[in-house]
Amino acid sequence: MGRVNFGPEVHDRKGLRGPVRLGNQPLTGWEMYSLPLDSAQLGRLIFKPTSPPLAGPGFYRFEVHLPAVGDTFLDMRT
């Protein structure tokens, strides 16, 4: 979801920063794997329209057409 890599907010941490919980219970016994998101791996992704949108994490592709170049952000809260 991006990161700040300059100025006073250079320590904009992402990822897990504490115990993983489901409700109030800590989850244990699970494993985490990194994904090699190199150009070969990304080139094998197949994008297709879905309706309704899929629930949960995934890879999404979109285009943005701007009338002028400027600072832009994507609000990922919802």
PDB file of N, CA and C in Angstrom:
ATOM      1  N   MET A   1       0.821  -1.186   0.000  1.00  0.00           N
ATOM      2  CA  MET A   1       0.000   0.000   0.000  1.00  0.00           C
ATOM      3  C   MET A   1       0.862   1.245   0.000  1.00  0.00           C
ATOM      4  N   GLY A   2       2.045   1.136  -0.476  1.00  0.00           N
ATOM      5  CA  GLY A   2       2.886   2.318  -0.581  1.00  0.00           C
ATOM      6  C   GLY A   2       3.644   2.590   0.692  1.00  0.00           C
ATOM      7  N   ARG A   3       4.529   3.525   0.604  1.00  0.00           N
ATOM      8  CA  ARG A   3       5.320   3.885   1.774  1.00  0.00           C
ATOM      9  C   ARG A   3       5.887   5.281   1.581  1.00  0.00           C
ATOM     10  N   VAL A   4       6.213   5.892   2.683  1.00  0.00           N
ATOM     11  CA  VAL A   4       6.884   7.182   2.648  1.00  0.00           C
ATOM     12  C   VAL A   4       8.372   6.888   2.746  1.00  0.00           C
ATOM     13  N   ASN A   5       9.165   7.349   1.797  1.00  0.00           N
ATOM     14  CA  ASN A   5      10.601   7.068   1.828  1.00  0.00           C
ATOM     15  C   ASN A   5      11.414   8.357   1.833  1.00  0.00           C
ATOM     16  N   PHE A   6      10.859   9.394   2.445  1.00  0.00           N
ATOM     17  CA  PHE A   6      11.577  10.666   2.534  1.00  0.00           C
ATOM     18  C   PHE A   6      11.018  11.451   3.712  1.00  0.00           C
ATOM     19  N   GLY A   7      11.774  12.424   4.173  1.00  0.00           N
ATOM     20  CA  GLY A   7      11.302  13.348   5.197  1.00  0.00           C
ATOM     21  C   GLY A   7      11.150  12.719   6.572  1.00  0.00           C
ATOM     22  N   PRO A   8      10.441  13.406   7.480  1.00  0.00           N
ATOM     23  CA  PRO A   8      10.338  12.951   8.866  1.00  0.00           C
ATOM     24  C   PRO A   8       9.540  11.655   9.028  1.00  0.00           C
ATOM     25  N   GLU A   9       8.736  11.255   8.045  1.00  0.00           N
ATOM     26  CA  GLU A   9       7.936  10.028   8.137  1.00  0.00           C
ATOM     27  C   GLU A   9       8.624   8.842   7.470  1.00  0.00           C
ATOM     28  N   VAL A  10       9.942   8.867   7.359  1.00  0.00           N
ATOM     29  CA  VAL A  10      10.678   7.823   6.651  1.00  0.00           C
ATOM     30  C   VAL A  10      10.476   6.440   7.283  1.00  0.00           C
ATOM     31  N   HIS A  11      10.015   6.381   8.522  1.00  0.00           N
ATOM     32  CA  HIS A  11       9.798   5.093   9.195  1.00  0.00           C
ATOM     33  C   HIS A  11       8.327   4.698   9.125  1.00  0.00           C
ATOM     34  N   ASP A  12       7.722   4.779   7.960  1.00  0.00           N
ATOM     35  CA  ASP A  12       6.327   4.425   7.722  1.00  0.00           C
ATOM     36  C   ASP A  12       6.239   2.904   7.619  1.00  0.00           C
ATOM     37  N   ARG A  13       6.058   2.231   8.746  1.00  0.00           N
ATOM     38  CA  ARG A  13       6.100   0.773   8.806  1.00  0.00           C
ATOM     39  C   ARG A  13       4.857   0.154   8.173  1.00  0.00           C
ATOM     40  N   LYS A  14       5.038  -1.004   7.533  1.00  0.00           N
ATOM     41  CA  LYS A  14       3.952  -1.779   6.953  1.00  0.00           C
ATOM     42  C   LYS A  14       4.076  -3.215   7.448  1.00  0.00           C
ATOM     43  N   GLY A  15       3.007  -3.958   7.381  1.00  0.00           N
ATOM     44  CA  GLY A  15       3.059  -5.370   7.736  1.00  0.00           C
ATOM     45  C   GLY A  15       2.574  -5.631   9.147  1.00  0.00           C
ATOM     46  N   LEU A  16       2.882  -6.812   9.674  1.00  0.00           N
ATOM     47  CA  LEU A  16       2.448  -7.207  11.005  1.00  0.00           C
ATOM     48  C   LEU A  16       3.298  -6.507  12.055  1.00  0.00           C
ATOM     49  N   ARG A  17       2.646  -5.857  12.996  1.00  0.00           N
ATOM     50  CA  ARG A  17       3.367  -5.124  14.039  1.00  0.00           C
ATOM     51  C   ARG A  17       2.990  -5.613  15.423  1.00  0.00           C
ATOM     52  N   GLY A  18       2.417  -6.785  15.539  1.00  0.00           N
ATOM     53  CA  GLY A  18       2.022  -7.340  16.828  1.00  0.00           C
ATOM     54  C   GLY A  18       1.401  -8.701  16.615  1.00  0.00           C
ATOM     55  N   PRO A  19       0.845  -9.279  17.679  1.00  0.00           N
ATOM     56  CA  PRO A  19       0.230 -10.600  17.540  1.00  0.00           C
ATOM     57  C   PRO A  19      -0.937 -10.574  16.560  1.00  0.00           C
ATOM     58  N   VAL A  20      -1.104 -11.664  15.822  1.00  0.00           N
ATOM     59  CA  VAL A  20      -2.240 -11.804  14.923  1.00  0.00           C
ATOM     60  C   VAL A  20      -3.387 -12.382  15.743  1.00  0.00           C
ATOM     61  N   ARG A  21      -4.557 -11.750  15.668  1.00  0.00           N
ATOM     62  CA  ARG A  21      -5.696 -12.182  16.478  1.00  0.00           C
ATOM     63  C   ARG A  21      -6.931 -12.377  15.610  1.00  0.00           C
ATOM     64  N   LEU A  22      -7.775 -13.282  16.037  1.00  0.00           N
ATOM     65  CA  LEU A  22      -9.101 -13.455  15.469  1.00  0.00           C
ATOM     66  C   LEU A  22     -10.054 -13.151  16.610  1.00  0.00           C
ATOM     67  N   GLY A  23     -10.748 -12.011  16.512  1.00  0.00           N
ATOM     68  CA  GLY A  23     -11.511 -11.538  17.665  1.00  0.00           C
ATOM     69  C   GLY A  23     -10.532 -11.149  18.745  1.00  0.00           C
ATOM     70  N   ASN A  24     -10.623 -11.776  19.897  1.00  0.00           N
ATOM     71  CA  ASN A  24      -9.708 -11.479  20.997  1.00  0.00           C
ATOM     72  C   ASN A  24      -8.680 -12.577  21.205  1.00  0.00           C
ATOM     73  N   GLN A  25      -8.727 -13.632  20.377  1.00  0.00           N
ATOM     74  CA  GLN A  25      -7.843 -14.785  20.552  1.00  0.00           C
ATOM     75  C   GLN A  25      -6.624 -14.697  19.637  1.00  0.00           C
ATOM     76  N   PRO A  26      -5.412 -14.853  20.196  1.00  0.00           N
ATOM     77  CA  PRO A  26      -4.223 -14.884  19.341  1.00  0.00           C
ATOM     78  C   PRO A  26      -4.224 -16.122  18.449  1.00  0.00           C
ATOM     79  N   LEU A  27      -3.818 -15.957  17.206  1.00  0.00           N
ATOM     80  CA  LEU A  27      -3.706 -17.086  16.281  1.00  0.00           C
ATOM     81  C   LEU A  27      -2.267 -17.583  16.294  1.00  0.00           C
ATOM     82  N   THR A  28      -2.088 -18.881  16.379  1.00  0.00           N
ATOM     83  CA  THR A  28      -0.748 -19.470  16.406  1.00  0.00           C
ATOM     84  C   THR A  28      -0.697 -20.630  15.420  1.00  0.00           C
ATOM     85  N   GLY A  29       0.510 -21.101  15.143  1.00  0.00           N
ATOM     86  CA  GLY A  29       0.685 -22.274  14.296  1.00  0.00           C
ATOM     87  C   GLY A  29       0.486 -22.010  12.819  1.00  0.00           C
ATOM     88  N   TRP A  30       0.594 -20.782  12.376  1.00  0.00           N
ATOM     89  CA  TRP A  30       0.437 -20.468  10.965  1.00  0.00           C
ATOM     90  C   TRP A  30       1.776 -20.014  10.413  1.00  0.00           C
ATOM     91  N   GLU A  31       1.905 -20.066   9.102  1.00  0.00           N
ATOM     92  CA  GLU A  31       3.153 -19.680   8.443  1.00  0.00           C
ATOM     93  C   GLU A  31       2.901 -18.545   7.470  1.00  0.00           C
ATOM     94  N   MET A  32       3.925 -17.765   7.249  1.00  0.00           N
ATOM     95  CA  MET A  32       3.855 -16.647   6.320  1.00  0.00           C
ATOM     96  C   MET A  32       4.893 -16.883   5.233  1.00  0.00           C
ATOM     97  N   TYR A  33       4.518 -16.611   3.989  1.00  0.00           N
ATOM     98  CA  TYR A  33       5.406 -16.817   2.854  1.00  0.00           C
ATOM     99  C   TYR A  33       5.540 -15.515   2.072  1.00  0.00           C
ATOM    100  N   SER A  34       6.732 -15.252   1.607  1.00  0.00           N
ATOM    101  CA  SER A  34       6.908 -14.094   0.733  1.00  0.00           C
ATOM    102  C   SER A  34       6.589 -14.516  -0.703  1.00  0.00           C
ATOM    103  N   LEU A  35       6.128 -13.569  -1.486  1.00  0.00           N
ATOM    104  CA  LEU A  35       5.829 -13.827  -2.890  1.00  0.00           C
ATOM    105  C   LEU A  35       6.886 -13.143  -3.749  1.00  0.00           C
ATOM    106  N   PRO A  36       7.535 -13.870  -4.650  1.00  0.00           N
ATOM    107  CA  PRO A  36       8.538 -13.249  -5.514  1.00  0.00           C
ATOM    108  C   PRO A  36       7.845 -12.443  -6.623  1.00  0.00           C
ATOM    109  N   LEU A  37       7.560 -11.202  -6.362  1.00  0.00           N
ATOM    110  CA  LEU A  37       6.817 -10.399  -7.336  1.00  0.00           C
ATOM    111  C   LEU A  37       7.768  -9.762  -8.342  1.00  0.00           C
ATOM    112  N   ASP A  38       8.498 -10.620  -9.067  1.00  0.00           N
ATOM    113  CA  ASP A  38       9.366 -10.130 -10.127  1.00  0.00           C
ATOM    114  C   ASP A  38       8.565 -10.061 -11.427  1.00  0.00           C
ATOM    115  N   SER A  39       9.162  -9.578 -12.489  1.00  0.00           N
ATOM    116  CA  SER A  39       8.420  -9.387 -13.739  1.00  0.00           C
ATOM    117  C   SER A  39       7.917 -10.718 -14.310  1.00  0.00           C
ATOM    118  N   ALA A  40       8.653 -11.820 -14.107  1.00  0.00           N
ATOM    119  CA  ALA A  40       8.197 -13.122 -14.604  1.00  0.00           C
ATOM    120  C   ALA A  40       6.936 -13.561 -13.863  1.00  0.00           C
ATOM    121  N   GLN A  41       6.922 -13.408 -12.551  1.00  0.00           N
ATOM    122  CA  GLN A  41       5.752 -13.790 -11.751  1.00  0.00           C
ATOM    123  C   GLN A  41       4.554 -12.905 -12.093  1.00  0.00           C
ATOM    124  N   LEU A  42       4.762 -11.619 -12.172  1.00  0.00           N
ATOM    125  CA  LEU A  42       3.666 -10.704 -12.476  1.00  0.00           C
ATOM    126  C   LEU A  42       3.147 -10.894 -13.895  1.00  0.00           C
ATOM    127  N   GLY A  43       4.029 -11.299 -14.815  1.00  0.00           N
ATOM    128  CA  GLY A  43       3.618 -11.524 -16.197  1.00  0.00           C
ATOM    129  C   GLY A  43       2.671 -12.699 -16.362  1.00  0.00           C
ATOM    130  N   ARG A  44       2.638 -13.608 -15.370  1.00  0.00           N
ATOM    131  CA  ARG A  44       1.748 -14.771 -15.444  1.00  0.00           C
ATOM    132  C   ARG A  44       0.356 -14.499 -14.857  1.00  0.00           C
ATOM    133  N   LEU A  45       0.156 -13.325 -14.282  1.00  0.00           N
ATOM    134  CA  LEU A  45      -1.164 -13.004 -13.728  1.00  0.00           C
ATOM    135  C   LEU A  45      -2.167 -12.817 -14.857  1.00  0.00           C
ATOM    136  N   ILE A  46      -3.368 -13.312 -14.658  1.00  0.00           N
ATOM    137  CA  ILE A  46      -4.437 -13.149 -15.628  1.00  0.00           C
ATOM    138  C   ILE A  46      -5.513 -12.277 -14.987  1.00  0.00           C
ATOM    139  N   PHE A  47      -5.784 -11.142 -15.595  1.00  0.00           N
ATOM    140  CA  PHE A  47      -6.800 -10.230 -15.079  1.00  0.00           C
ATOM    141  C   PHE A  47      -8.067 -10.387 -15.891  1.00  0.00           C
ATOM    142  N   LYS A  48      -9.206 -10.443 -15.206  1.00  0.00           N
ATOM    143  CA  LYS A  48     -10.487 -10.525 -15.899  1.00  0.00           C
ATOM    144  C   LYS A  48     -11.547  -9.834 -15.049  1.00  0.00           C
ATOM    145  N   PRO A  49     -12.559  -9.291 -15.686  1.00  0.00           N
ATOM    146  CA  PRO A  49     -13.627  -8.627 -14.926  1.00  0.00           C
ATOM    147  C   PRO A  49     -14.371  -9.628 -14.043  1.00  0.00           C
ATOM    148  N   THR A  50     -14.732  -9.218 -12.851  1.00  0.00           N
ATOM    149  CA  THR A  50     -15.546 -10.039 -11.969  1.00  0.00           C
ATOM    150  C   THR A  50     -16.704  -9.194 -11.462  1.00  0.00           C
ATOM    151  N   SER A  51     -17.845  -9.812 -11.349  1.00  0.00           N
ATOM    152  CA  SER A  51     -19.005  -9.111 -10.826  1.00  0.00           C
ATOM    153  C   SER A  51     -19.828 -10.104 -10.020  1.00  0.00           C
ATOM    154  N   PRO A  52     -20.034  -9.878  -8.764  1.00  0.00           N
ATOM    155  CA  PRO A  52     -19.509  -8.762  -7.971  1.00  0.00           C
ATOM    156  C   PRO A  52     -18.016  -8.940  -7.735  1.00  0.00           C
ATOM    157  N   PRO A  53     -17.332  -7.894  -7.248  1.00  0.00           N
ATOM    158  CA  PRO A  53     -15.899  -8.015  -6.966  1.00  0.00           C
ATOM    159  C   PRO A  53     -15.635  -9.149  -5.967  1.00  0.00           C
ATOM    160  N   LEU A  54     -14.501  -9.792  -6.107  1.00  0.00           N
ATOM    161  CA  LEU A  54     -14.133 -10.867  -5.190  1.00  0.00           C
ATOM    162  C   LEU A  54     -13.861 -10.308  -3.804  1.00  0.00           C
ATOM    163  N   ALA A  55     -14.185 -11.076  -2.777  1.00  0.00           N
ATOM    164  CA  ALA A  55     -13.888 -10.673  -1.399  1.00  0.00           C
ATOM    165  C   ALA A  55     -12.470 -11.099  -1.055  1.00  0.00           C
ATOM    166  N   GLY A  56     -11.774 -10.295  -0.275  1.00  0.00           N
ATOM    167  CA  GLY A  56     -10.457 -10.668   0.202  1.00  0.00           C
ATOM    168  C   GLY A  56      -9.339 -10.100  -0.638  1.00  0.00           C
ATOM    169  N   PRO A  57      -8.115 -10.488  -0.292  1.00  0.00           N
ATOM    170  CA  PRO A  57      -6.954  -9.953  -1.003  1.00  0.00           C
ATOM    171  C   PRO A  57      -6.864 -10.484  -2.424  1.00  0.00           C
ATOM    172  N   GLY A  58      -6.166  -9.767  -3.248  1.00  0.00           N
ATOM    173  CA  GLY A  58      -5.985 -10.190  -4.624  1.00  0.00           C
ATOM    174  C   GLY A  58      -5.133  -9.195  -5.371  1.00  0.00           C
ATOM    175  N   PHE A  59      -4.950  -9.452  -6.633  1.00  0.00           N
ATOM    176  CA  PHE A  59      -4.242  -8.538  -7.518  1.00  0.00           C
ATOM    177  C   PHE A  59      -5.281  -7.845  -8.387  1.00  0.00           C
ATOM    178  N   TYR A  60      -5.218  -6.553  -8.420  1.00  0.00           N
ATOM    179  CA  TYR A  60      -6.169  -5.776  -9.207  1.00  0.00           C
ATOM    180  C   TYR A  60      -5.410  -4.863 -10.152  1.00  0.00           C
ATOM    181  N   ARG A  61      -5.986  -4.629 -11.311  1.00  0.00           N
ATOM    182  CA  ARG A  61      -5.363  -3.741 -12.288  1.00  0.00           C
ATOM    183  C   ARG A  61      -6.404  -2.710 -12.701  1.00  0.00           C
ATOM    184  N   PHE A  62      -5.961  -1.489 -12.835  1.00  0.00           N
ATOM    185  CA  PHE A  62      -6.859  -0.436 -13.282  1.00  0.00           C
ATOM    186  C   PHE A  62      -6.051   0.639 -13.985  1.00  0.00           C
ATOM    187  N   GLU A  63      -6.724   1.472 -14.710  1.00  0.00           N
ATOM    188  CA  GLU A  63      -6.099   2.607 -15.384  1.00  0.00           C
ATOM    189  C   GLU A  63      -6.712   3.887 -14.855  1.00  0.00           C
ATOM    190  N   VAL A  64      -5.890   4.899 -14.745  1.00  0.00           N
ATOM    191  CA  VAL A  64      -6.354   6.221 -14.336  1.00  0.00           C
ATOM    192  C   VAL A  64      -5.960   7.190 -15.431  1.00  0.00           C
ATOM    193  N   HIS A  65      -6.917   7.918 -15.942  1.00  0.00           N
ATOM    194  CA  HIS A  65      -6.658   8.928 -16.962  1.00  0.00           C
ATOM    195  C   HIS A  65      -6.822  10.300 -16.316  1.00  0.00           C
ATOM    196  N   LEU A  66      -5.736  11.024 -16.216  1.00  0.00           N
ATOM    197  CA  LEU A  66      -5.738  12.327 -15.558  1.00  0.00           C
ATOM    198  C   LEU A  66      -5.663  13.439 -16.592  1.00  0.00           C
ATOM    199  N   PRO A  67      -6.414  14.512 -16.385  1.00  0.00           N
ATOM    200  CA  PRO A  67      -6.332  15.639 -17.312  1.00  0.00           C
ATOM    201  C   PRO A  67      -5.004  16.387 -17.190  1.00  0.00           C
ATOM    202  N   ALA A  68      -4.361  16.268 -16.028  1.00  0.00           N
ATOM    203  CA  ALA A  68      -3.058  16.913 -15.812  1.00  0.00           C
ATOM    204  C   ALA A  68      -2.268  16.075 -14.812  1.00  0.00           C
ATOM    205  N   VAL A  69      -0.962  16.105 -14.915  1.00  0.00           N
ATOM    206  CA  VAL A  69      -0.094  15.373 -14.001  1.00  0.00           C
ATOM    207  C   VAL A  69      -0.020  16.132 -12.683  1.00  0.00           C
ATOM    208  N   GLY A  70      -0.061  15.412 -11.566  1.00  0.00           N
ATOM    209  CA  GLY A  70       0.041  16.034 -10.250  1.00  0.00           C
ATOM    210  C   GLY A  70       0.131  14.969  -9.178  1.00  0.00           C
ATOM    211  N   ASP A  71       0.212  15.411  -7.929  1.00  0.00           N
ATOM    212  CA  ASP A  71       0.234  14.465  -6.819  1.00  0.00           C
ATOM    213  C   ASP A  71      -1.089  13.728  -6.771  1.00  0.00           C
ATOM    214  N   THR A  72      -1.032  12.413  -6.621  1.00  0.00           N
ATOM    215  CA  THR A  72      -2.223  11.580  -6.646  1.00  0.00           C
ATOM    216  C   THR A  72      -2.087  10.489  -5.593  1.00  0.00           C
ATOM    217  N   PHE A  73      -3.181  10.079  -5.004  1.00  0.00           N
ATOM    218  CA  PHE A  73      -3.161   8.943  -4.075  1.00  0.00           C
ATOM    219  C   PHE A  73      -4.415   8.129  -4.272  1.00  0.00           C
ATOM    220  N   LEU A  74      -4.364   6.874  -3.829  1.00  0.00           N
ATOM    221  CA  LEU A  74      -5.499   5.971  -3.902  1.00  0.00           C
ATOM    222  C   LEU A  74      -5.913   5.651  -2.470  1.00  0.00           C
ATOM    223  N   ASP A  75      -7.121   5.985  -2.099  1.00  0.00           N
ATOM    224  CA  ASP A  75      -7.641   5.750  -0.759  1.00  0.00           C
ATOM    225  C   ASP A  75      -8.035   4.282  -0.641  1.00  0.00           C
ATOM    226  N   MET A  76      -7.311   3.499   0.173  1.00  0.00           N
ATOM    227  CA  MET A  76      -7.535   2.059   0.301  1.00  0.00           C
ATOM    228  C   MET A  76      -8.328   1.686   1.554  1.00  0.00           C
ATOM    229  N   ARG A  77      -8.916   2.679   2.241  1.00  0.00           N
ATOM    230  CA  ARG A  77      -9.605   2.374   3.501  1.00  0.00           C
ATOM    231  C   ARG A  77     -10.802   1.457   3.330  1.00  0.00           C
ATOM    232  N   THR A  78     -11.508   1.522   2.222  1.00  0.00           N
ATOM    233  CA  THR A  78     -12.683   0.652   2.074  1.00  0.00           C
ATOM    234  C   THR A  78     -12.444  -0.405   1.023  1.00  0.00           C
TER     235      THR A  78
END
